[in-house]
Amino acid sequence: MSDTSKQRPPAEAPKRGDAAWRAAREAVAGRNDQARKLGRERRDRRNEQHAAAARAADLHERTELAKRRP
């Protein structure tokens, strides 16, 4: 008698030929999509920070100019 709790499902056969090429191509495309998304998020975050800093500098400049006005 054998213990069925230790049985493993059969391993998937490695892909060959066109199937392997397609799988590799899809993996690269997936990594590229993920990198593009991450880059977009980083650029958006940096642009938002830059815009906030510019607004703060503009507000500061306006208040300084308003103080100088007689």
Protein backbone atom coordinates (compact mmCIF):
# COMPACT_ATOMS: atom_id res chain seq x y z
CA MET A 1 0.00 0.00 0.00
CA SER A 2 1.15 3.48 -0.75
CA ASP A 3 0.40 6.68 1.09
CA THR A 4 -1.65 8.94 -1.19
CA SER A 5 -0.98 12.07 0.87
CA LYS A 6 2.65 12.08 -0.32
CA GLN A 7 1.82 11.80 -4.00
CA ARG A 8 2.60 14.84 -6.07
CA PRO A 9 0.80 15.90 -9.20
CA PRO A 10 2.78 15.15 -12.35
CA ALA A 11 5.21 17.91 -13.25
CA GLU A 12 4.43 19.95 -16.32
CA ALA A 13 6.58 19.01 -19.27
CA PRO A 14 8.97 21.77 -20.33
CA LYS A 15 7.86 23.71 -23.36
CA ARG A 16 9.75 23.26 -26.58
CA GLY A 17 10.01 25.03 -29.90
CA ASP A 18 7.40 27.67 -30.67
CA ALA A 19 5.65 27.19 -27.32
CA ALA A 20 8.86 27.96 -25.44
CA TRP A 21 9.52 30.98 -27.66
CA ARG A 22 5.98 32.31 -27.08
CA ALA A 23 6.24 31.74 -23.33
CA ALA A 24 9.56 33.62 -23.19
CA ARG A 25 8.16 36.43 -25.33
CA GLU A 26 5.09 36.76 -23.10
CA ALA A 27 7.28 36.79 -19.98
CA VAL A 28 9.39 39.62 -21.42
CA ALA A 29 6.27 41.53 -22.44
CA GLY A 30 4.85 41.14 -18.94
CA ARG A 31 8.03 42.43 -17.34
CA ASN A 32 8.09 45.36 -19.78
CA ASP A 33 4.48 46.24 -18.94
CA GLN A 34 5.28 46.14 -15.24
CA ALA A 35 8.37 48.32 -15.70
CA ARG A 36 6.38 50.81 -17.80
CA LYS A 37 3.69 51.03 -15.12
CA LEU A 38 6.26 51.54 -12.37
CA GLY A 39 8.05 54.22 -14.40
CA ARG A 40 4.79 56.03 -15.09
CA GLU A 41 3.89 56.00 -11.38
CA ARG A 42 7.33 57.35 -10.45
CA ARG A 43 7.13 60.12 -13.07
CA ASP A 44 3.62 61.08 -11.94
CA ARG A 45 4.72 61.20 -8.31
CA ARG A 46 7.79 63.31 -9.19
CA ASN A 47 5.69 65.66 -11.34
CA GLU A 48 3.14 66.09 -8.54
CA GLN A 49 5.91 66.92 -6.07
CA HIS A 50 7.45 69.40 -8.52
CA ALA A 51 4.07 71.08 -9.09
CA ALA A 52 3.42 71.29 -5.34
CA ALA A 53 6.85 72.84 -4.76
CA ALA A 54 6.22 75.36 -7.56
CA ARG A 55 2.83 76.29 -6.07
CA ALA A 56 4.40 76.72 -2.64
CA ALA A 57 7.18 78.91 -4.06
CA ASP A 58 4.64 81.01 -5.97
CA LEU A 59 2.51 81.46 -2.85
CA HIS A 60 5.58 82.44 -0.84
CA GLU A 61 6.62 84.95 -3.48
CA ARG A 62 3.14 86.48 -3.59
CA THR A 63 3.00 86.89 0.18
CA GLU A 64 6.47 88.52 0.19
CA LEU A 65 5.42 90.93 -2.56
CA ALA A 66 2.17 91.72 -0.73
CA LYS A 67 4.17 92.62 2.42
CA ARG A 68 6.31 95.09 0.47
CA ARG A 69 3.35 96.88 -1.05
CA PRO A 70 2.45 100.13 0.75
